[in-house]
PDB file of N, CA and C in Angstrom:
ATOM      1  N   MET A   1       2.504   5.216 -19.610  1.00  0.00           N
ATOM      2  CA  MET A   1       3.010   5.243 -18.612  1.00  0.00           C
ATOM      3  C   MET A   1       3.759   3.856 -18.079  1.00  0.00           C
ATOM      4  N   ILE A   2       4.745   3.541 -17.592  1.00  0.00           N
ATOM      5  CA  ILE A   2       5.072   2.545 -17.395  1.00  0.00           C
ATOM      6  C   ILE A   2       5.217   1.928 -15.828  1.00  0.00           C
ATOM      7  N   PRO A   3       4.182   0.866 -15.255  1.00  0.00           N
ATOM      8  CA  PRO A   3       3.487   0.560 -14.480  1.00  0.00           C
ATOM      9  C   PRO A   3       4.500   0.545 -13.136  1.00  0.00           C
ATOM     10  N   LEU A   4       4.807   1.039 -12.332  1.00  0.00           N
ATOM     11  CA  LEU A   4       4.881   0.782 -11.127  1.00  0.00           C
ATOM     12  C   LEU A   4       4.774  -0.066  -9.906  1.00  0.00           C
ATOM     13  N   PHE A   5       3.803  -1.043 -10.138  1.00  0.00           N
ATOM     14  CA  PHE A   5       3.761  -1.870  -9.525  1.00  0.00           C
ATOM     15  C   PHE A   5       2.407  -2.894  -9.798  1.00  0.00           C
ATOM     16  N   THR A   6       2.480  -3.901  -9.485  1.00  0.00           N
ATOM     17  CA  THR A   6       1.540  -4.939  -9.842  1.00  0.00           C
ATOM     18  C   THR A   6       0.458  -5.008  -8.303  1.00  0.00           C
ATOM     19  N   LEU A   7      -0.446  -5.324  -9.010  1.00  0.00           N
ATOM     20  CA  LEU A   7      -1.950  -5.866  -8.009  1.00  0.00           C
ATOM     21  C   LEU A   7      -2.558  -7.077  -8.419  1.00  0.00           C
ATOM     22  N   GLY A   8      -2.965  -7.265  -7.234  1.00  0.00           N
ATOM     23  CA  GLY A   8      -3.205  -9.097  -7.428  1.00  0.00           C
ATOM     24  C   GLY A   8      -3.972  -9.730  -6.618  1.00  0.00           C
ATOM     25  N   LYS A   9      -4.395 -10.846  -6.324  1.00  0.00           N
ATOM     26  CA  LYS A   9      -4.739 -11.951  -5.253  1.00  0.00           C
ATOM     27  C   LYS A   9      -3.290 -12.135  -4.434  1.00  0.00           C
ATOM     28  N   CYS A  10      -3.680 -12.307  -2.935  1.00  0.00           N
ATOM     29  CA  CYS A  10      -2.896 -12.468  -1.869  1.00  0.00           C
ATOM     30  C   CYS A  10      -2.532 -14.241  -2.427  1.00  0.00           C
ATOM     31  N   LYS A  11      -1.659 -14.669  -1.371  1.00  0.00           N
ATOM     32  CA  LYS A  11      -1.474 -16.029  -1.484  1.00  0.00           C
ATOM     33  C   LYS A  11      -2.560 -17.004  -1.303  1.00  0.00           C
ATOM     34  N   THR A  12      -2.903 -16.454  -0.286  1.00  0.00           N
ATOM     35  CA  THR A  12      -4.398 -17.193   0.336  1.00  0.00           C
ATOM     36  C   THR A  12      -5.522 -16.542   0.049  1.00  0.00           C
ATOM     37  N   LYS A  13      -5.631 -15.491  -1.478  1.00  0.00           N
ATOM     38  CA  LYS A  13      -6.609 -15.624  -1.837  1.00  0.00           C
ATOM     39  C   LYS A  13      -7.645 -14.675  -0.822  1.00  0.00           C
ATOM     40  N   ALA A  14      -7.201 -14.374   0.061  1.00  0.00           N
ATOM     41  CA  ALA A  14      -7.997 -13.718   1.351  1.00  0.00           C
ATOM     42  C   ALA A  14      -8.032 -12.049   0.989  1.00  0.00           C
ATOM     43  N   GLY A  15      -7.643 -11.428  -0.052  1.00  0.00           N
ATOM     44  CA  GLY A  15      -7.171 -10.458  -0.112  1.00  0.00           C
ATOM     45  C   GLY A  15      -6.650 -10.036  -1.254  1.00  0.00           C
ATOM     46  N   TYR A  16      -6.280  -8.623  -1.671  1.00  0.00           N
ATOM     47  CA  TYR A  16      -5.163  -8.377  -2.327  1.00  0.00           C
ATOM     48  C   TYR A  16      -4.054  -7.659  -2.343  1.00  0.00           C
ATOM     49  N   THR A  17      -2.826  -7.624  -2.987  1.00  0.00           N
ATOM     50  CA  THR A  17      -1.842  -6.614  -2.719  1.00  0.00           C
ATOM     51  C   THR A  17      -1.005  -6.187  -3.857  1.00  0.00           C
ATOM     52  N   ALA A  18      -0.823  -5.094  -3.721  1.00  0.00           N
ATOM     53  CA  ALA A  18       0.077  -4.550  -4.114  1.00  0.00           C
ATOM     54  C   ALA A  18       1.877  -4.560  -3.875  1.00  0.00           C
ATOM     55  N   LYS A  19       2.589  -4.818  -5.267  1.00  0.00           N
ATOM     56  CA  LYS A  19       3.907  -5.112  -5.056  1.00  0.00           C
ATOM     57  C   LYS A  19       4.715  -4.175  -6.290  1.00  0.00           C
ATOM     58  N   LEU A  20       5.911  -3.493  -6.032  1.00  0.00           N
ATOM     59  CA  LEU A  20       6.597  -2.633  -6.664  1.00  0.00           C
ATOM     60  C   LEU A  20       7.145  -4.079  -7.795  1.00  0.00           C
ATOM     61  N   LEU A  21       7.219  -3.316  -8.966  1.00  0.00           N
ATOM     62  CA  LEU A  21       7.784  -4.056 -10.113  1.00  0.00           C
ATOM     63  C   LEU A  21       9.647  -4.287  -9.856  1.00  0.00           C
ATOM     64  N   LYS A  22       9.951  -3.326  -9.265  1.00  0.00           N
ATOM     65  CA  LYS A  22      11.596  -3.005  -8.359  1.00  0.00           C
ATOM     66  C   LYS A  22      11.455  -2.808  -7.112  1.00  0.00           C
ATOM     67  N   SER A  23      12.922  -3.100  -6.945  1.00  0.00           N
ATOM     68  CA  SER A  23      13.060  -3.430  -5.193  1.00  0.00           C
ATOM     69  C   SER A  23      12.352  -1.730  -4.789  1.00  0.00           C
ATOM     70  N   GLY A  24      11.981  -1.443  -3.490  1.00  0.00           N
ATOM     71  CA  GLY A  24      11.979   0.071  -3.188  1.00  0.00           C
ATOM     72  C   GLY A  24      11.695  -0.289  -1.853  1.00  0.00           C
ATOM     73  N   LYS A  25      11.412   0.944  -1.296  1.00  0.00           N
ATOM     74  CA  LYS A  25      11.151   0.823   0.658  1.00  0.00           C
ATOM     75  C   LYS A  25       9.855   2.117   0.826  1.00  0.00           C
ATOM     76  N   LEU A  26       9.734   1.840   0.819  1.00  0.00           N
ATOM     77  CA  LEU A  26       8.626   3.408   1.638  1.00  0.00           C
ATOM     78  C   LEU A  26       9.044   3.809   3.044  1.00  0.00           C
ATOM     79  N   ASN A  27       8.617   5.219   3.649  1.00  0.00           N
ATOM     80  CA  ASN A  27       9.083   5.935   4.252  1.00  0.00           C
ATOM     81  C   ASN A  27       7.796   5.642   5.425  1.00  0.00           C
ATOM     82  N   LEU A  28       7.419   5.475   5.842  1.00  0.00           N
ATOM     83  CA  LEU A  28       6.533   5.064   6.774  1.00  0.00           C
ATOM     84  C   LEU A  28       5.892   6.432   7.594  1.00  0.00           C
ATOM     85  N   THR A  29       6.860   7.292   7.885  1.00  0.00           N
ATOM     86  CA  THR A  29       6.747   8.571   8.581  1.00  0.00           C
ATOM     87  C   THR A  29       5.727   9.325   7.428  1.00  0.00           C
ATOM     88  N   LYS A  30       6.256   9.578   6.180  1.00  0.00           N
ATOM     89  CA  LYS A  30       5.832  10.624   5.392  1.00  0.00           C
ATOM     90  C   LYS A  30       4.011   9.949   5.260  1.00  0.00           C
ATOM     91  N   VAL A  31       3.982   8.554   4.718  1.00  0.00           N
ATOM     92  CA  VAL A  31       2.540   7.598   4.999  1.00  0.00           C
ATOM     93  C   VAL A  31       2.010   8.272   6.008  1.00  0.00           C
ATOM     94  N   GLN A  32       2.375   7.613   7.716  1.00  0.00           N
ATOM     95  CA  GLN A  32       1.283   8.055   8.539  1.00  0.00           C
ATOM     96  C   GLN A  32       1.019   9.464   8.334  1.00  0.00           C
ATOM     97  N   GLN A  33       1.824  10.608   8.087  1.00  0.00           N
ATOM     98  CA  GLN A  33       1.734  12.238   8.131  1.00  0.00           C
ATOM     99  C   GLN A  33       0.710  12.549   7.155  1.00  0.00           C
ATOM    100  N   GLU A  34       0.415  11.897   5.997  1.00  0.00           N
ATOM    101  CA  GLU A  34      -0.491  11.838   4.805  1.00  0.00           C
ATOM    102  C   GLU A  34      -1.991  11.426   5.380  1.00  0.00           C
ATOM    103  N   PHE A  35      -1.962   9.722   5.636  1.00  0.00           N
ATOM    104  CA  PHE A  35      -3.428   8.948   5.392  1.00  0.00           C
ATOM    105  C   PHE A  35      -3.738   8.777   7.421  1.00  0.00           C
ATOM    106  N   GLU A  36      -4.652   8.714   7.224  1.00  0.00           N
ATOM    107  CA  GLU A  36      -5.150   8.017   8.762  1.00  0.00           C
ATOM    108  C   GLU A  36      -4.973   6.859   9.352  1.00  0.00           C
ATOM    109  N   VAL A  37      -4.088   6.815  10.143  1.00  0.00           N
ATOM    110  CA  VAL A  37      -3.658   5.628  10.703  1.00  0.00           C
ATOM    111  C   VAL A  37      -4.150   4.922  11.879  1.00  0.00           C
ATOM    112  N   ILE A  38      -4.688   3.704  11.798  1.00  0.00           N
ATOM    113  CA  ILE A  38      -5.006   2.744  12.790  1.00  0.00           C
ATOM    114  C   ILE A  38      -4.112   1.665  13.580  1.00  0.00           C
ATOM    115  N   LEU A  39      -2.967   1.894  12.843  1.00  0.00           N
ATOM    116  CA  LEU A  39      -2.295   1.032  13.510  1.00  0.00           C
ATOM    117  C   LEU A  39      -0.819   1.363  13.427  1.00  0.00           C
ATOM    118  N   GLN A  40      -0.021   1.540  14.296  1.00  0.00           N
ATOM    119  CA  GLN A  40       1.242   1.985  13.844  1.00  0.00           C
ATOM    120  C   GLN A  40       2.281   0.821  14.493  1.00  0.00           C
ATOM    121  N   THR A  41       2.891   0.093  13.787  1.00  0.00           N
ATOM    122  CA  THR A  41       4.511  -0.047  14.469  1.00  0.00           C
ATOM    123  C   THR A  41       5.756   0.248  13.358  1.00  0.00           C
ATOM    124  N   PRO A  42       6.618  -0.246  14.152  1.00  0.00           N
ATOM    125  CA  PRO A  42       8.147   0.339  13.049  1.00  0.00           C
ATOM    126  C   PRO A  42       8.257  -0.133  11.606  1.00  0.00           C
ATOM    127  N   ILE A  43       7.592  -1.075  11.213  1.00  0.00           N
ATOM    128  CA  ILE A  43       7.974  -1.705  10.448  1.00  0.00           C
ATOM    129  C   ILE A  43       6.301  -1.849   9.250  1.00  0.00           C
ATOM    130  N   VAL A  44       5.403  -1.484   9.979  1.00  0.00           N
ATOM    131  CA  VAL A  44       3.799  -1.911   9.228  1.00  0.00           C
ATOM    132  C   VAL A  44       3.083  -0.858   9.714  1.00  0.00           C
ATOM    133  N   LEU A  45       2.355  -0.564   9.150  1.00  0.00           N
ATOM    134  CA  LEU A  45       1.201   0.746   8.781  1.00  0.00           C
ATOM    135  C   LEU A  45      -0.035   0.358   8.884  1.00  0.00           C
ATOM    136  N   VAL A  46      -1.074   0.293   9.791  1.00  0.00           N
ATOM    137  CA  VAL A  46      -2.261   0.046   8.916  1.00  0.00           C
ATOM    138  C   VAL A  46      -3.246   1.590   8.988  1.00  0.00           C
ATOM    139  N   ILE A  47      -3.538   1.648   7.462  1.00  0.00           N
ATOM    140  CA  ILE A  47      -4.223   2.970   6.992  1.00  0.00           C
ATOM    141  C   ILE A  47      -5.441   2.777   6.568  1.00  0.00           C
ATOM    142  N   ARG A  48      -6.455   4.091   6.527  1.00  0.00           N
ATOM    143  CA  ARG A  48      -7.580   3.883   6.377  1.00  0.00           C
ATOM    144  C   ARG A  48      -7.594   5.134   5.165  1.00  0.00           C
ATOM    145  N   ILE A  49      -7.874   4.951   3.717  1.00  0.00           N
ATOM    146  CA  ILE A  49      -8.287   5.565   2.878  1.00  0.00           C
ATOM    147  C   ILE A  49      -9.873   5.298   2.193  1.00  0.00           C
ATOM    148  N   GLU A  50     -10.316   6.263   2.163  1.00  0.00           N
ATOM    149  CA  GLU A  50     -11.397   6.127   1.765  1.00  0.00           C
ATOM    150  C   GLU A  50     -12.165   4.749   2.271  1.00  0.00           C
ATOM    151  N   GLN A  51     -12.392   4.858   3.329  1.00  0.00           N
ATOM    152  CA  GLN A  51     -13.272   3.334   3.854  1.00  0.00           C
ATOM    153  C   GLN A  51     -12.354   1.987   3.712  1.00  0.00           C
ATOM    154  N   VAL A  52     -11.102   2.338   3.010  1.00  0.00           N
ATOM    155  CA  VAL A  52     -10.803   1.026   2.671  1.00  0.00           C
ATOM    156  C   VAL A  52      -9.185   0.500   3.509  1.00  0.00           C
ATOM    157  N   GLU A  53      -9.272  -0.410   4.146  1.00  0.00           N
ATOM    158  CA  GLU A  53      -7.954  -0.500   5.301  1.00  0.00           C
ATOM    159  C   GLU A  53      -7.220  -1.341   4.257  1.00  0.00           C
ATOM    160  N   ILE A  54      -5.605  -0.926   4.871  1.00  0.00           N
ATOM    161  CA  ILE A  54      -4.392  -0.751   3.591  1.00  0.00           C
ATOM    162  C   ILE A  54      -3.466  -0.780   4.903  1.00  0.00           C
ATOM    163  N   ILE A  55      -3.102  -2.596   4.864  1.00  0.00           N
ATOM    164  CA  ILE A  55      -1.464  -2.872   5.802  1.00  0.00           C
ATOM    165  C   ILE A  55      -0.562  -2.211   4.827  1.00  0.00           C
ATOM    166  N   VAL A  56       0.049  -1.416   5.072  1.00  0.00           N
ATOM    167  CA  VAL A  56       1.558  -0.768   4.293  1.00  0.00           C
ATOM    168  C   VAL A  56       2.884  -1.431   5.321  1.00  0.00           C
ATOM    169  N   HIS A  57       3.810  -2.385   4.617  1.00  0.00           N
ATOM    170  CA  HIS A  57       4.992  -2.587   4.483  1.00  0.00           C
ATOM    171  C   HIS A  57       6.065  -1.850   4.442  1.00  0.00           C
ATOM    172  N   GLN A  58       6.601  -1.442   5.131  1.00  0.00           N
ATOM    173  CA  GLN A  58       8.232  -0.966   5.115  1.00  0.00           C
ATOM    174  C   GLN A  58       9.183  -1.541   3.813  1.00  0.00           C
ATOM    175  N   TYR A  59       8.687  -2.358   3.010  1.00  0.00           N
ATOM    176  CA  TYR A  59       9.357  -2.935   2.139  1.00  0.00           C
ATOM    177  C   TYR A  59       8.518  -2.809   0.794  1.00  0.00           C
ATOM    178  N   ALA A  60       7.508  -1.807   0.893  1.00  0.00           N
ATOM    179  CA  ALA A  60       6.818  -1.587  -0.270  1.00  0.00           C
ATOM    180  C   ALA A  60       5.714  -2.333  -0.652  1.00  0.00           C
ATOM    181  N   GLU A  61       5.345  -3.282   0.262  1.00  0.00           N
ATOM    182  CA  GLU A  61       4.074  -4.106  -0.190  1.00  0.00           C
ATOM    183  C   GLU A  61       2.735  -3.571   0.647  1.00  0.00           C
ATOM    184  N   LEU A  62       1.468  -3.655  -0.027  1.00  0.00           N
ATOM    185  CA  LEU A  62       0.495  -3.496   0.453  1.00  0.00           C
ATOM    186  C   LEU A  62      -0.737  -4.260   0.855  1.00  0.00           C
ATOM    187  N   PHE A  63      -1.192  -4.438   1.694  1.00  0.00           N
ATOM    188  CA  PHE A  63      -2.559  -5.327   2.046  1.00  0.00           C
ATOM    189  C   PHE A  63      -3.569  -4.660   1.872  1.00  0.00           C
ATOM    190  N   PHE A  64      -4.700  -4.875   0.808  1.00  0.00           N
ATOM    191  CA  PHE A  64      -5.942  -3.968   0.810  1.00  0.00           C
ATOM    192  C   PHE A  64      -6.723  -5.280   1.694  1.00  0.00           C
ATOM    193  N   LYS A  65      -7.708  -4.764   2.899  1.00  0.00           N
ATOM    194  CA  LYS A  65      -8.549  -5.511   3.471  1.00  0.00           C
ATOM    195  C   LYS A  65     -10.197  -5.331   3.249  1.00  0.00           C
ATOM    196  N   ASN A  66     -10.522  -6.458   3.514  1.00  0.00           N
ATOM    197  CA  ASN A  66     -12.354  -6.014   2.412  1.00  0.00           C
ATOM    198  C   ASN A  66     -12.288  -5.045   1.463  1.00  0.00           C
ATOM    199  N   CYS A  67     -11.875  -5.722   0.238  1.00  0.00           N
ATOM    200  CA  CYS A  67     -12.128  -4.553  -0.747  1.00  0.00           C
ATOM    201  C   CYS A  67     -11.906  -4.991  -1.883  1.00  0.00           C
ATOM    202  N   ALA A  68     -12.995  -5.270  -2.583  1.00  0.00           N
ATOM    203  CA  ALA A  68     -12.654  -5.912  -4.245  1.00  0.00           C
ATOM    204  C   ALA A  68     -12.411  -5.238  -5.206  1.00  0.00           C
ATOM    205  N   ASP A  69     -12.585  -3.562  -5.173  1.00  0.00           N
ATOM    206  CA  ASP A  69     -12.684  -3.211  -6.153  1.00  0.00           C
ATOM    207  C   ASP A  69     -11.765  -2.305  -6.738  1.00  0.00           C
ATOM    208  N   VAL A  70     -11.434  -3.333  -7.904  1.00  0.00           N
ATOM    209  CA  VAL A  70      -9.452  -3.747  -8.434  1.00  0.00           C
ATOM    210  C   VAL A  70      -9.370  -2.033  -8.500  1.00  0.00           C
ATOM    211  N   ALA A  71     -10.555  -1.425  -9.525  1.00  0.00           N
ATOM    212  CA  ALA A  71      -9.913   0.350  -9.992  1.00  0.00           C
ATOM    213  C   ALA A  71      -9.786   0.583  -8.746  1.00  0.00           C
ATOM    214  N   LEU A  72      -9.885   0.520  -7.656  1.00  0.00           N
ATOM    215  CA  LEU A  72     -10.389   1.584  -6.683  1.00  0.00           C
ATOM    216  C   LEU A  72      -8.785   1.167  -5.794  1.00  0.00           C
ATOM    217  N   MET A  73      -8.666   0.229  -5.721  1.00  0.00           N
ATOM    218  CA  MET A  73      -7.293  -0.191  -4.614  1.00  0.00           C
ATOM    219  C   MET A  73      -5.808   0.245  -5.841  1.00  0.00           C
ATOM    220  N   GLU A  74      -5.606   0.391  -7.302  1.00  0.00           N
ATOM    221  CA  GLU A  74      -5.332   0.799  -7.921  1.00  0.00           C
ATOM    222  C   GLU A  74      -4.682   2.139  -7.721  1.00  0.00           C
ATOM    223  N   LYS A  75      -5.916   2.603  -7.341  1.00  0.00           N
ATOM    224  CA  LYS A  75      -5.519   4.287  -7.103  1.00  0.00           C
ATOM    225  C   LYS A  75      -5.174   4.644  -5.983  1.00  0.00           C
ATOM    226  N   LEU A  76      -5.530   3.427  -4.736  1.00  0.00           N
ATOM    227  CA  LEU A  76      -4.906   4.032  -3.609  1.00  0.00           C
ATOM    228  C   LEU A  76      -3.471   3.460  -3.730  1.00  0.00           C
ATOM    229  N   ALA A  77      -3.041   2.736  -4.246  1.00  0.00           N
ATOM    230  CA  ALA A  77      -1.534   2.032  -4.086  1.00  0.00           C
ATOM    231  C   ALA A  77      -1.069   3.266  -4.651  1.00  0.00           C
ATOM    232  N   ALA A  78      -1.662   3.748  -6.041  1.00  0.00           N
ATOM    233  CA  ALA A  78      -0.644   4.957  -6.677  1.00  0.00           C
ATOM    234  C   ALA A  78      -0.684   6.239  -5.595  1.00  0.00           C
ATOM    235  N   LYS A  79      -1.790   5.799  -4.692  1.00  0.00           N
ATOM    236  CA  LYS A  79      -0.919   7.445  -3.976  1.00  0.00           C
ATOM    237  C   LYS A  79      -0.596   7.072  -2.643  1.00  0.00           C
ATOM    238  N   VAL A  80      -0.063   5.761  -2.434  1.00  0.00           N
ATOM    239  CA  VAL A  80       0.340   5.682  -0.851  1.00  0.00           C
ATOM    240  C   VAL A  80       1.912   5.808  -1.467  1.00  0.00           C
ATOM    241  N   TYR A  81       1.912   5.069  -2.996  1.00  0.00           N
ATOM    242  CA  TYR A  81       3.846   4.783  -3.075  1.00  0.00           C
ATOM    243  C   TYR A  81       4.079   6.286  -3.929  1.00  0.00           C
ATOM    244  N   LYS A  82       3.072   7.139  -4.187  1.00  0.00           N
ATOM    245  CA  LYS A  82       3.501   8.651  -4.489  1.00  0.00           C
ATOM    246  C   LYS A  82       3.997   9.413  -3.360  1.00  0.00           C
ATOM    247  N   VAL A  83       3.278   9.330  -1.921  1.00  0.00           N
ATOM    248  CA  VAL A  83       3.597   9.877  -1.015  1.00  0.00           C
ATOM    249  C   VAL A  83       4.831   9.592   0.048  1.00  0.00           C
ATOM    250  N   GLY A  84       5.167   7.551   0.040  1.00  0.00           N
ATOM    251  CA  GLY A  84       6.320   7.160   0.489  1.00  0.00           C
ATOM    252  C   GLY A  84       7.139   6.702   0.094  1.00  0.00           C
ATOM    253  N   LEU A  85       7.292   6.569  -1.617  1.00  0.00           N
ATOM    254  CA  LEU A  85       8.050   5.703  -1.633  1.00  0.00           C
ATOM    255  C   LEU A  85       9.479   6.166  -1.693  1.00  0.00           C
ATOM    256  N   GLU A  86      10.536   5.635  -1.178  1.00  0.00           N
ATOM    257  CA  GLU A  86      12.096   6.209  -1.393  1.00  0.00           C
ATOM    258  C   GLU A  86      12.549   5.962  -2.726  1.00  0.00           C
ATOM    259  N   LYS A  87      13.583   6.568  -3.202  1.00  0.00           N
ATOM    260  CA  LYS A  87      14.356   7.023  -4.217  1.00  0.00           C
ATOM    261  C   LYS A  87      15.649   5.611  -3.750  1.00  0.00           C
ATOM    262  N   VAL A  88      15.861   4.432  -4.145  1.00  0.00           N
ATOM    263  CA  VAL A  88      17.094   3.335  -4.213  1.00  0.00           C
ATOM    264  C   VAL A  88      18.214   3.443  -4.291  1.00  0.00           C
TER     265      VAL A  88
END
């Protein structure tokens, strides 16, 4: 399987981020219909999946709050990208 995204520590080392390897955009409407939404703005959602809060940016970057389980974050990122990724 060809990797769709990378997962690594964010610049501040406060959490992990997932970024697409190629530029893309997320359809936040589709994401909010599929997952529990904690906060919603026109360009950012905060969602909760399996007790992990994820900040979802429209430009397809995901920020994971309070989670250190890399395998779980990879699984959750794949779910979000599968639901919301738009063809560019």
